[in-house]
PDB file of N, CA and C in Angstrom:
ATOM      1  N   MET A   1      26.014 -31.318 -19.768  1.00  0.00           N
ATOM      2  CA  MET A   1      26.128 -29.857 -20.016  1.00  0.00           C
ATOM      3  C   MET A   1      25.520 -29.587 -21.405  1.00  0.00           C
ATOM      4  N   LEU A   2      25.975 -30.414 -22.397  1.00  0.00           N
ATOM      5  CA  LEU A   2      25.423 -30.090 -23.795  1.00  0.00           C
ATOM      6  C   LEU A   2      23.926 -30.229 -23.801  1.00  0.00           C
ATOM      7  N   GLY A   3      23.385 -31.203 -23.147  1.00  0.00           N
ATOM      8  CA  GLY A   3      21.904 -31.336 -23.115  1.00  0.00           C
ATOM      9  C   GLY A   3      21.234 -30.106 -22.651  1.00  0.00           C
ATOM     10  N   ASN A   4      21.710 -29.487 -21.534  1.00  0.00           N
ATOM     11  CA  ASN A   4      21.053 -28.357 -20.932  1.00  0.00           C
ATOM     12  C   ASN A   4      21.245 -27.173 -21.876  1.00  0.00           C
ATOM     13  N   LEU A   5      22.420 -26.982 -22.487  1.00  0.00           N
ATOM     14  CA  LEU A   5      22.619 -25.864 -23.342  1.00  0.00           C
ATOM     15  C   LEU A   5      21.715 -25.908 -24.614  1.00  0.00           C
ATOM     16  N   LEU A   6      21.643 -27.121 -25.174  1.00  0.00           N
ATOM     17  CA  LEU A   6      20.789 -27.298 -26.350  1.00  0.00           C
ATOM     18  C   LEU A   6      19.272 -27.126 -25.971  1.00  0.00           C
ATOM     19  N   ASP A   7      18.929 -27.671 -24.871  1.00  0.00           N
ATOM     20  CA  ASP A   7      17.506 -27.406 -24.411  1.00  0.00           C
ATOM     21  C   ASP A   7      17.184 -26.032 -24.339  1.00  0.00           C
ATOM     22  N   ASN A   8      18.056 -25.211 -23.662  1.00  0.00           N
ATOM     23  CA  ASN A   8      17.740 -23.792 -23.519  1.00  0.00           C
ATOM     24  C   ASN A   8      17.789 -23.082 -24.942  1.00  0.00           C
ATOM     25  N   ALA A   9      18.670 -23.456 -25.758  1.00  0.00           N
ATOM     26  CA  ALA A   9      18.737 -22.798 -27.061  1.00  0.00           C
ATOM     27  C   ALA A   9      17.448 -23.107 -27.891  1.00  0.00           C
ATOM     28  N   TYR A  10      16.919 -24.406 -27.851  1.00  0.00           N
ATOM     29  CA  TYR A  10      15.754 -24.721 -28.593  1.00  0.00           C
ATOM     30  C   TYR A  10      14.552 -24.097 -27.884  1.00  0.00           C
ATOM     31  N   LYS A  11      14.592 -23.861 -26.646  1.00  0.00           N
ATOM     32  CA  LYS A  11      13.458 -23.259 -25.960  1.00  0.00           C
ATOM     33  C   LYS A  11      13.305 -21.802 -26.341  1.00  0.00           C
ATOM     34  N   TRP A  12      14.419 -21.129 -26.663  1.00  0.00           N
ATOM     35  CA  TRP A  12      14.305 -19.666 -26.859  1.00  0.00           C
ATOM     36  C   TRP A  12      14.490 -19.298 -28.408  1.00  0.00           C
ATOM     37  N   THR A  13      14.830 -20.177 -29.193  1.00  0.00           N
ATOM     38  CA  THR A  13      15.018 -19.876 -30.565  1.00  0.00           C
ATOM     39  C   THR A  13      13.755 -19.519 -31.289  1.00  0.00           C
ATOM     40  N   THR A  14      13.868 -18.692 -32.342  1.00  0.00           N
ATOM     41  CA  THR A  14      12.684 -18.498 -33.254  1.00  0.00           C
ATOM     42  C   THR A  14      12.762 -19.386 -34.450  1.00  0.00           C
ATOM     43  N   GLN A  15      14.089 -19.571 -35.037  1.00  0.00           N
ATOM     44  CA  GLN A  15      14.202 -20.410 -36.098  1.00  0.00           C
ATOM     45  C   GLN A  15      15.484 -21.163 -36.154  1.00  0.00           C
ATOM     46  N   ARG A  16      16.600 -20.599 -35.645  1.00  0.00           N
ATOM     47  CA  ARG A  16      17.930 -21.151 -35.844  1.00  0.00           C
ATOM     48  C   ARG A  16      18.747 -21.400 -34.530  1.00  0.00           C
ATOM     49  N   VAL A  17      19.389 -22.543 -34.484  1.00  0.00           N
ATOM     50  CA  VAL A  17      20.378 -22.760 -33.465  1.00  0.00           C
ATOM     51  C   VAL A  17      21.698 -23.139 -34.142  1.00  0.00           C
ATOM     52  N   LEU A  18      22.738 -22.600 -33.693  1.00  0.00           N
ATOM     53  CA  LEU A  18      24.017 -22.901 -34.206  1.00  0.00           C
ATOM     54  C   LEU A  18      24.941 -23.542 -33.199  1.00  0.00           C
ATOM     55  N   VAL A  19      25.510 -24.745 -33.499  1.00  0.00           N
ATOM     56  CA  VAL A  19      26.360 -25.451 -32.549  1.00  0.00           C
ATOM     57  C   VAL A  19      27.709 -25.619 -33.178  1.00  0.00           C
ATOM     58  N   VAL A  20      28.744 -25.155 -32.525  1.00  0.00           N
ATOM     59  CA  VAL A  20      30.070 -25.250 -33.012  1.00  0.00           C
ATOM     60  C   VAL A  20      30.946 -25.876 -31.952  1.00  0.00           C
ATOM     61  N   GLY A  21      31.792 -26.871 -32.370  1.00  0.00           N
ATOM     62  CA  GLY A  21      32.758 -27.387 -31.433  1.00  0.00           C
ATOM     63  C   GLY A  21      34.060 -27.622 -32.145  1.00  0.00           C
ATOM     64  N   ARG A  22      35.103 -27.374 -31.415  1.00  0.00           N
ATOM     65  CA  ARG A  22      36.385 -27.593 -32.045  1.00  0.00           C
ATOM     66  C   ARG A  22      37.460 -27.813 -30.914  1.00  0.00           C
ATOM     67  N   LYS A  23      38.476 -28.521 -31.346  1.00  0.00           N
ATOM     68  CA  LYS A  23      39.639 -28.769 -30.489  1.00  0.00           C
ATOM     69  C   LYS A  23      40.672 -27.754 -30.806  1.00  0.00           C
ATOM     70  N   VAL A  24      41.216 -27.159 -29.879  1.00  0.00           N
ATOM     71  CA  VAL A  24      42.359 -26.142 -30.042  1.00  0.00           C
ATOM     72  C   VAL A  24      43.505 -26.495 -29.252  1.00  0.00           C
ATOM     73  N   ALA A  25      44.671 -26.562 -29.975  1.00  0.00           N
ATOM     74  CA  ALA A  25      45.982 -26.832 -29.257  1.00  0.00           C
ATOM     75  C   ALA A  25      46.616 -25.456 -28.852  1.00  0.00           C
ATOM     76  N   HIS A  26      46.984 -25.483 -27.523  1.00  0.00           N
ATOM     77  CA  HIS A  26      47.789 -24.336 -27.015  1.00  0.00           C
ATOM     78  C   HIS A  26      49.149 -24.914 -26.457  1.00  0.00           C
ATOM     79  N   ALA A  27      50.005 -24.018 -26.163  1.00  0.00           N
ATOM     80  CA  ALA A  27      51.334 -24.460 -25.640  1.00  0.00           C
ATOM     81  C   ALA A  27      51.185 -25.216 -24.260  1.00  0.00           C
ATOM     82  N   THR A  28      50.079 -24.818 -23.586  1.00  0.00           N
ATOM     83  CA  THR A  28      49.921 -25.425 -22.283  1.00  0.00           C
ATOM     84  C   THR A  28      49.039 -26.683 -22.369  1.00  0.00           C
ATOM     85  N   GLY A  29      48.499 -27.026 -23.457  1.00  0.00           N
ATOM     86  CA  GLY A  29      47.657 -28.159 -23.639  1.00  0.00           C
ATOM     87  C   GLY A  29      46.488 -27.873 -24.568  1.00  0.00           C
ATOM     88  N   SER A  30      45.733 -28.924 -24.905  1.00  0.00           N
ATOM     89  CA  SER A  30      44.589 -28.760 -25.786  1.00  0.00           C
ATOM     90  C   SER A  30      43.353 -28.486 -24.961  1.00  0.00           C
ATOM     91  N   VAL A  31      42.410 -27.746 -25.678  1.00  0.00           N
ATOM     92  CA  VAL A  31      41.050 -27.494 -25.063  1.00  0.00           C
ATOM     93  C   VAL A  31      39.975 -27.815 -26.091  1.00  0.00           C
ATOM     94  N   ILE A  32      38.846 -28.038 -25.656  1.00  0.00           N
ATOM     95  CA  ILE A  32      37.729 -28.142 -26.537  1.00  0.00           C
ATOM     96  C   ILE A  32      36.867 -26.920 -26.260  1.00  0.00           C
ATOM     97  N   GLU A  33      36.470 -26.263 -27.447  1.00  0.00           N
ATOM     98  CA  GLU A  33      35.613 -25.025 -27.353  1.00  0.00           C
ATOM     99  C   GLU A  33      34.258 -25.400 -27.976  1.00  0.00           C
ATOM    100  N   LEU A  34      33.230 -25.187 -27.143  1.00  0.00           N
ATOM    101  CA  LEU A  34      31.899 -25.464 -27.605  1.00  0.00           C
ATOM    102  C   LEU A  34      31.071 -24.272 -27.489  1.00  0.00           C
ATOM    103  N   SER A  35      30.338 -23.919 -28.572  1.00  0.00           N
ATOM    104  CA  SER A  35      29.487 -22.721 -28.592  1.00  0.00           C
ATOM    105  C   SER A  35      28.128 -23.138 -29.078  1.00  0.00           C
ATOM    106  N   ILE A  36      27.061 -22.632 -28.311  1.00  0.00           N
ATOM    107  CA  ILE A  36      25.688 -22.826 -28.699  1.00  0.00           C
ATOM    108  C   ILE A  36      25.013 -21.425 -28.817  1.00  0.00           C
ATOM    109  N   GLU A  37      24.457 -21.251 -30.019  1.00  0.00           N
ATOM    110  CA  GLU A  37      23.884 -19.820 -30.263  1.00  0.00           C
ATOM    111  C   GLU A  37      22.445 -20.057 -30.742  1.00  0.00           C
ATOM    112  N   ASP A  38      21.615 -19.094 -30.411  1.00  0.00           N
ATOM    113  CA  ASP A  38      20.242 -19.063 -30.995  1.00  0.00           C
ATOM    114  C   ASP A  38      19.913 -17.696 -31.486  1.00  0.00           C
ATOM    115  N   ASP A  39      18.726 -17.649 -32.150  1.00  0.00           N
ATOM    116  CA  ASP A  39      18.251 -16.387 -32.724  1.00  0.00           C
ATOM    117  C   ASP A  39      17.083 -15.788 -31.979  1.00  0.00           C
ATOM    118  N   GLY A  40      16.945 -16.155 -30.697  1.00  0.00           N
ATOM    119  CA  GLY A  40      15.893 -15.613 -29.890  1.00  0.00           C
ATOM    120  C   GLY A  40      16.193 -14.185 -29.318  1.00  0.00           C
ATOM    121  N   GLU A  41      15.598 -13.888 -28.231  1.00  0.00           N
ATOM    122  CA  GLU A  41      15.761 -12.553 -27.639  1.00  0.00           C
ATOM    123  C   GLU A  41      17.074 -12.348 -27.006  1.00  0.00           C
ATOM    124  N   GLY A  42      17.688 -13.433 -26.487  1.00  0.00           N
ATOM    125  CA  GLY A  42      19.043 -13.253 -25.804  1.00  0.00           C
ATOM    126  C   GLY A  42      18.894 -12.772 -24.418  1.00  0.00           C
ATOM    127  N   PHE A  43      20.035 -12.635 -23.776  1.00  0.00           N
ATOM    128  CA  PHE A  43      20.054 -12.123 -22.344  1.00  0.00           C
ATOM    129  C   PHE A  43      20.421 -10.627 -22.339  1.00  0.00           C
ATOM    130  N   PRO A  44      19.767  -9.884 -21.521  1.00  0.00           N
ATOM    131  CA  PRO A  44      20.321  -8.540 -21.277  1.00  0.00           C
ATOM    132  C   PRO A  44      21.700  -8.694 -20.675  1.00  0.00           C
ATOM    133  N   GLU A  45      22.630  -7.944 -21.139  1.00  0.00           N
ATOM    134  CA  GLU A  45      24.021  -8.028 -20.859  1.00  0.00           C
ATOM    135  C   GLU A  45      24.255  -8.056 -19.293  1.00  0.00           C
ATOM    136  N   GLU A  46      23.550  -7.182 -18.613  1.00  0.00           N
ATOM    137  CA  GLU A  46      23.727  -7.181 -17.156  1.00  0.00           C
ATOM    138  C   GLU A  46      23.058  -8.336 -16.419  1.00  0.00           C
ATOM    139  N   ALA A  47      22.351  -9.180 -17.107  1.00  0.00           N
ATOM    140  CA  ALA A  47      21.636 -10.357 -16.465  1.00  0.00           C
ATOM    141  C   ALA A  47      22.412 -11.707 -16.696  1.00  0.00           C
ATOM    142  N   ALA A  48      23.411 -11.645 -17.608  1.00  0.00           N
ATOM    143  CA  ALA A  48      24.042 -12.823 -17.938  1.00  0.00           C
ATOM    144  C   ALA A  48      24.769 -13.564 -16.819  1.00  0.00           C
ATOM    145  N   ALA A  49      25.397 -12.824 -16.004  1.00  0.00           N
ATOM    146  CA  ALA A  49      25.997 -13.385 -14.835  1.00  0.00           C
ATOM    147  C   ALA A  49      25.080 -13.935 -13.810  1.00  0.00           C
ATOM    148  N   ALA A  50      23.951 -13.251 -13.683  1.00  0.00           N
ATOM    149  CA  ALA A  50      22.879 -13.786 -12.748  1.00  0.00           C
ATOM    150  C   ALA A  50      22.309 -15.147 -13.226  1.00  0.00           C
ATOM    151  N   ALA A  51      22.244 -15.284 -14.590  1.00  0.00           N
ATOM    152  CA  ALA A  51      21.675 -16.519 -15.219  1.00  0.00           C
ATOM    153  C   ALA A  51      22.483 -17.764 -14.770  1.00  0.00           C
ATOM    154  N   LEU A  52      23.710 -17.574 -14.307  1.00  0.00           N
ATOM    155  CA  LEU A  52      24.592 -18.699 -13.884  1.00  0.00           C
ATOM    156  C   LEU A  52      24.470 -19.049 -12.449  1.00  0.00           C
ATOM    157  N   LYS A  53      23.513 -18.363 -11.725  1.00  0.00           N
ATOM    158  CA  LYS A  53      23.360 -18.624 -10.286  1.00  0.00           C
ATOM    159  C   LYS A  53      22.047 -19.511 -10.136  1.00  0.00           C
ATOM    160  N   ARG A  54      22.172 -20.415  -9.190  1.00  0.00           N
ATOM    161  CA  ARG A  54      21.132 -21.381  -8.899  1.00  0.00           C
ATOM    162  C   ARG A  54      19.806 -20.608  -8.491  1.00  0.00           C
ATOM    163  N   GLY A  55      18.720 -20.999  -9.116  1.00  0.00           N
ATOM    164  CA  GLY A  55      17.378 -20.495  -8.748  1.00  0.00           C
ATOM    165  C   GLY A  55      17.062 -19.163  -9.434  1.00  0.00           C
ATOM    166  N   THR A  56      17.905 -18.602 -10.264  1.00  0.00           N
ATOM    167  CA  THR A  56      17.642 -17.410 -10.887  1.00  0.00           C
ATOM    168  C   THR A  56      16.942 -17.685 -12.250  1.00  0.00           C
ATOM    169  N   ARG A  57      15.832 -17.166 -12.443  1.00  0.00           N
ATOM    170  CA  ARG A  57      15.051 -17.316 -13.670  1.00  0.00           C
ATOM    171  C   ARG A  57      14.872 -15.875 -14.270  1.00  0.00           C
ATOM    172  N   LEU A  58      15.375 -15.717 -15.462  1.00  0.00           N
ATOM    173  CA  LEU A  58      15.260 -14.432 -16.136  1.00  0.00           C
ATOM    174  C   LEU A  58      13.881 -14.225 -16.808  1.00  0.00           C
ATOM    175  N   ASP A  59      13.209 -15.310 -17.079  1.00  0.00           N
ATOM    176  CA  ASP A  59      11.935 -15.191 -17.736  1.00  0.00           C
ATOM    177  C   ASP A  59      11.047 -16.353 -17.191  1.00  0.00           C
ATOM    178  N   GLU A  60       9.952 -16.026 -16.532  1.00  0.00           N
ATOM    179  CA  GLU A  60       9.077 -17.053 -15.888  1.00  0.00           C
ATOM    180  C   GLU A  60       7.968 -17.505 -16.829  1.00  0.00           C
ATOM    181  N   THR A  61       7.953 -17.106 -18.082  1.00  0.00           N
ATOM    182  CA  THR A  61       6.920 -17.447 -18.980  1.00  0.00           C
ATOM    183  C   THR A  61       6.998 -18.850 -19.621  1.00  0.00           C
ATOM    184  N   VAL A  62       8.192 -19.455 -19.462  1.00  0.00           N
ATOM    185  CA  VAL A  62       8.385 -20.777 -19.934  1.00  0.00           C
ATOM    186  C   VAL A  62       8.771 -21.736 -18.822  1.00  0.00           C
ATOM    187  N   PRO A  63       8.458 -23.045 -19.003  1.00  0.00           N
ATOM    188  CA  PRO A  63       8.782 -23.985 -17.831  1.00  0.00           C
ATOM    189  C   PRO A  63      10.291 -24.076 -17.584  1.00  0.00           C
ATOM    190  N   GLY A  64      10.618 -24.220 -16.361  1.00  0.00           N
ATOM    191  CA  GLY A  64      12.054 -24.389 -16.016  1.00  0.00           C
ATOM    192  C   GLY A  64      12.225 -24.166 -14.554  1.00  0.00           C
ATOM    193  N   THR A  65      13.391 -24.560 -14.022  1.00  0.00           N
ATOM    194  CA  THR A  65      13.726 -24.489 -12.575  1.00  0.00           C
ATOM    195  C   THR A  65      14.659 -23.392 -12.201  1.00  0.00           C
ATOM    196  N   GLY A  66      15.380 -22.935 -13.211  1.00  0.00           N
ATOM    197  CA  GLY A  66      16.338 -21.908 -12.888  1.00  0.00           C
ATOM    198  C   GLY A  66      17.654 -22.476 -12.356  1.00  0.00           C
ATOM    199  N   ILE A  67      17.892 -23.729 -12.555  1.00  0.00           N
ATOM    200  CA  ILE A  67      19.173 -24.319 -12.036  1.00  0.00           C
ATOM    201  C   ILE A  67      20.072 -24.852 -13.235  1.00  0.00           C
ATOM    202  N   GLY A  68      19.443 -25.013 -14.421  1.00  0.00           N
ATOM    203  CA  GLY A  68      20.221 -25.597 -15.509  1.00  0.00           C
ATOM    204  C   GLY A  68      21.545 -24.911 -15.822  1.00  0.00           C
ATOM    205  N   LEU A  69      21.521 -23.610 -16.037  1.00  0.00           N
ATOM    206  CA  LEU A  69      22.789 -23.000 -16.401  1.00  0.00           C
ATOM    207  C   LEU A  69      23.765 -22.928 -15.248  1.00  0.00           C
ATOM    208  N   ALA A  70      23.222 -22.842 -14.018  1.00  0.00           N
ATOM    209  CA  ALA A  70      24.002 -22.852 -12.780  1.00  0.00           C
ATOM    210  C   ALA A  70      24.714 -24.266 -12.699  1.00  0.00           C
ATOM    211  N   VAL A  71      24.097 -25.319 -12.913  1.00  0.00           N
ATOM    212  CA  VAL A  71      24.696 -26.635 -12.890  1.00  0.00           C
ATOM    213  C   VAL A  71      25.777 -26.766 -13.976  1.00  0.00           C
ATOM    214  N   VAL A  72      25.495 -26.191 -15.175  1.00  0.00           N
ATOM    215  CA  VAL A  72      26.484 -26.186 -16.214  1.00  0.00           C
ATOM    216  C   VAL A  72      27.729 -25.373 -15.765  1.00  0.00           C
ATOM    217  N   ALA A  73      27.528 -24.229 -15.231  1.00  0.00           N
ATOM    218  CA  ALA A  73      28.666 -23.416 -14.771  1.00  0.00           C
ATOM    219  C   ALA A  73      29.443 -24.088 -13.699  1.00  0.00           C
ATOM    220  N   GLU A  74      28.756 -24.827 -12.803  1.00  0.00           N
ATOM    221  CA  GLU A  74      29.502 -25.532 -11.755  1.00  0.00           C
ATOM    222  C   GLU A  74      30.271 -26.615 -12.230  1.00  0.00           C
ATOM    223  N   LEU A  75      29.766 -27.372 -13.214  1.00  0.00           N
ATOM    224  CA  LEU A  75      30.548 -28.487 -13.867  1.00  0.00           C
ATOM    225  C   LEU A  75      31.684 -27.923 -14.640  1.00  0.00           C
ATOM    226  N   VAL A  76      31.526 -26.941 -15.374  1.00  0.00           N
ATOM    227  CA  VAL A  76      32.640 -26.250 -16.119  1.00  0.00           C
ATOM    228  C   VAL A  76      33.722 -25.846 -15.130  1.00  0.00           C
ATOM    229  N   GLU A  77      33.312 -25.285 -14.016  1.00  0.00           N
ATOM    230  CA  GLU A  77      34.412 -24.832 -12.971  1.00  0.00           C
ATOM    231  C   GLU A  77      35.110 -26.063 -12.442  1.00  0.00           C
ATOM    232  N   GLN A  78      34.328 -27.083 -12.168  1.00  0.00           N
ATOM    233  CA  GLN A  78      35.009 -28.324 -11.647  1.00  0.00           C
ATOM    234  C   GLN A  78      35.920 -28.916 -12.601  1.00  0.00           C
ATOM    235  N   TYR A  79      35.740 -28.815 -13.857  1.00  0.00           N
ATOM    236  CA  TYR A  79      36.666 -29.232 -14.934  1.00  0.00           C
ATOM    237  C   TYR A  79      37.751 -28.252 -15.222  1.00  0.00           C
ATOM    238  N   GLU A  80      37.794 -27.129 -14.487  1.00  0.00           N
ATOM    239  CA  GLU A  80      38.779 -26.074 -14.655  1.00  0.00           C
ATOM    240  C   GLU A  80      38.639 -25.400 -16.004  1.00  0.00           C
ATOM    241  N   GLY A  81      37.335 -25.251 -16.461  1.00  0.00           N
ATOM    242  CA  GLY A  81      37.095 -24.616 -17.695  1.00  0.00           C
ATOM    243  C   GLY A  81      36.509 -23.226 -17.540  1.00  0.00           C
ATOM    244  N   LYS A  82      35.911 -22.675 -18.564  1.00  0.00           N
ATOM    245  CA  LYS A  82      35.398 -21.347 -18.581  1.00  0.00           C
ATOM    246  C   LYS A  82      34.058 -21.323 -19.370  1.00  0.00           C
ATOM    247  N   ILE A  83      33.158 -20.493 -18.771  1.00  0.00           N
ATOM    248  CA  ILE A  83      31.839 -20.386 -19.524  1.00  0.00           C
ATOM    249  C   ILE A  83      31.555 -18.884 -19.700  1.00  0.00           C
ATOM    250  N   VAL A  84      31.034 -18.430 -20.856  1.00  0.00           N
ATOM    251  CA  VAL A  84      30.794 -17.143 -21.255  1.00  0.00           C
ATOM    252  C   VAL A  84      29.368 -17.007 -21.808  1.00  0.00           C
ATOM    253  N   ILE A  85      28.601 -16.036 -21.457  1.00  0.00           N
ATOM    254  CA  ILE A  85      27.313 -15.807 -22.009  1.00  0.00           C
ATOM    255  C   ILE A  85      27.397 -14.477 -22.604  1.00  0.00           C
ATOM    256  N   GLU A  86      27.040 -14.350 -23.986  1.00  0.00           N
ATOM    257  CA  GLU A  86      27.096 -13.111 -24.606  1.00  0.00           C
ATOM    258  C   GLU A  86      26.026 -13.116 -25.717  1.00  0.00           C
ATOM    259  N   ARG A  87      25.940 -11.982 -26.440  1.00  0.00           N
ATOM    260  CA  ARG A  87      25.079 -11.815 -27.600  1.00  0.00           C
ATOM    261  C   ARG A  87      25.529 -12.687 -28.745  1.00  0.00           C
ATOM    262  N   SER A  88      24.591 -13.395 -29.369  1.00  0.00           N
ATOM    263  CA  SER A  88      24.933 -14.291 -30.510  1.00  0.00           C
ATOM    264  C   SER A  88      24.945 -13.504 -31.775  1.00  0.00           C
ATOM    265  N   ARG A  89      25.739 -14.003 -32.729  1.00  0.00           N
ATOM    266  CA  ARG A  89      25.791 -13.409 -34.082  1.00  0.00           C
ATOM    267  C   ARG A  89      24.434 -13.598 -34.763  1.00  0.00           C
ATOM    268  N   LEU A  90      23.558 -14.430 -34.184  1.00  0.00           N
ATOM    269  CA  LEU A  90      22.220 -14.649 -34.721  1.00  0.00           C
ATOM    270  C   LEU A  90      21.198 -13.800 -34.077  1.00  0.00           C
ATOM    271  N   SER A  91      21.611 -12.931 -33.135  1.00  0.00           N
ATOM    272  CA  SER A  91      20.855 -11.933 -32.386  1.00  0.00           C
ATOM    273  C   SER A  91      20.412 -12.417 -31.036  1.00  0.00           C
ATOM    274  N   GLY A  92      20.412 -13.614 -30.748  1.00  0.00           N
ATOM    275  CA  GLY A  92      19.983 -14.235 -29.470  1.00  0.00           C
ATOM    276  C   GLY A  92      21.068 -14.397 -28.460  1.00  0.00           C
ATOM    277  N   ALA A  93      21.168 -15.448 -27.802  1.00  0.00           N
ATOM    278  CA  ALA A  93      22.208 -15.725 -26.757  1.00  0.00           C
ATOM    279  C   ALA A  93      23.247 -16.672 -27.385  1.00  0.00           C
ATOM    280  N   ARG A  94      24.390 -16.525 -26.948  1.00  0.00           N
ATOM    281  CA  ARG A  94      25.554 -17.414 -27.201  1.00  0.00           C
ATOM    282  C   ARG A  94      26.123 -17.826 -25.885  1.00  0.00           C
ATOM    283  N   VAL A  95      26.158 -19.174 -25.591  1.00  0.00           N
ATOM    284  CA  VAL A  95      26.808 -19.770 -24.484  1.00  0.00           C
ATOM    285  C   VAL A  95      28.039 -20.509 -24.977  1.00  0.00           C
ATOM    286  N   ALA A  96      29.182 -20.105 -24.469  1.00  0.00           N
ATOM    287  CA  ALA A  96      30.482 -20.742 -24.927  1.00  0.00           C
ATOM    288  C   ALA A  96      31.132 -21.430 -23.741  1.00  0.00           C
ATOM    289  N   ILE A  97      31.539 -22.653 -23.790  1.00  0.00           N
ATOM    290  CA  ILE A  97      32.317 -23.231 -22.741  1.00  0.00           C
ATOM    291  C   ILE A  97      33.641 -23.719 -23.390  1.00  0.00           C
ATOM    292  N   THR A  98      34.716 -23.643 -22.545  1.00  0.00           N
ATOM    293  CA  THR A  98      36.046 -24.112 -22.957  1.00  0.00           C
ATOM    294  C   THR A  98      36.463 -25.113 -21.794  1.00  0.00           C
ATOM    295  N   LEU A  99      36.917 -26.269 -22.186  1.00  0.00           N
ATOM    296  CA  LEU A  99      37.249 -27.261 -21.237  1.00  0.00           C
ATOM    297  C   LEU A  99      38.653 -27.831 -21.639  1.00  0.00           C
ATOM    298  N   PRO A 100      39.533 -27.981 -20.658  1.00  0.00           N
ATOM    299  CA  PRO A 100      40.827 -28.568 -20.926  1.00  0.00           C
ATOM    300  C   PRO A 100      40.670 -30.081 -21.334  1.00  0.00           C
ATOM    301  N   LEU A 101      41.500 -30.551 -22.205  1.00  0.00           N
ATOM    302  CA  LEU A 101      41.533 -32.003 -22.513  1.00  0.00           C
ATOM    303  C   LEU A 101      42.756 -32.554 -21.879  1.00  0.00           C
ATOM    304  N   SER A 102      42.506 -33.730 -21.218  1.00  0.00           N
ATOM    305  CA  SER A 102      43.678 -34.251 -20.447  1.00  0.00           C
ATOM    306  C   SER A 102      44.235 -35.452 -21.264  1.00  0.00           C
TER     307      SER A 102
END
């Protein structure tokens, strides 16, 4: 998962990628939160959900298969986690995953 998210961030960045990871304790158990941000163009808000579907390519100008984010989303779901794509503080994309720790 991390490899794909980092590959995407470095593919789209202009200068900066920010990676933040932390463990958070909740009453129901601990989770790990991982966020990858870049300063590229980002996703149009209405296209973020589509980017998590297999075979969807939002930009065909760079090499890729269109399955990377979908595989990450499927793995996150299998681990009963959550994935969010939104605008980064750096102006590009931010992909955040939260996974329970057992």
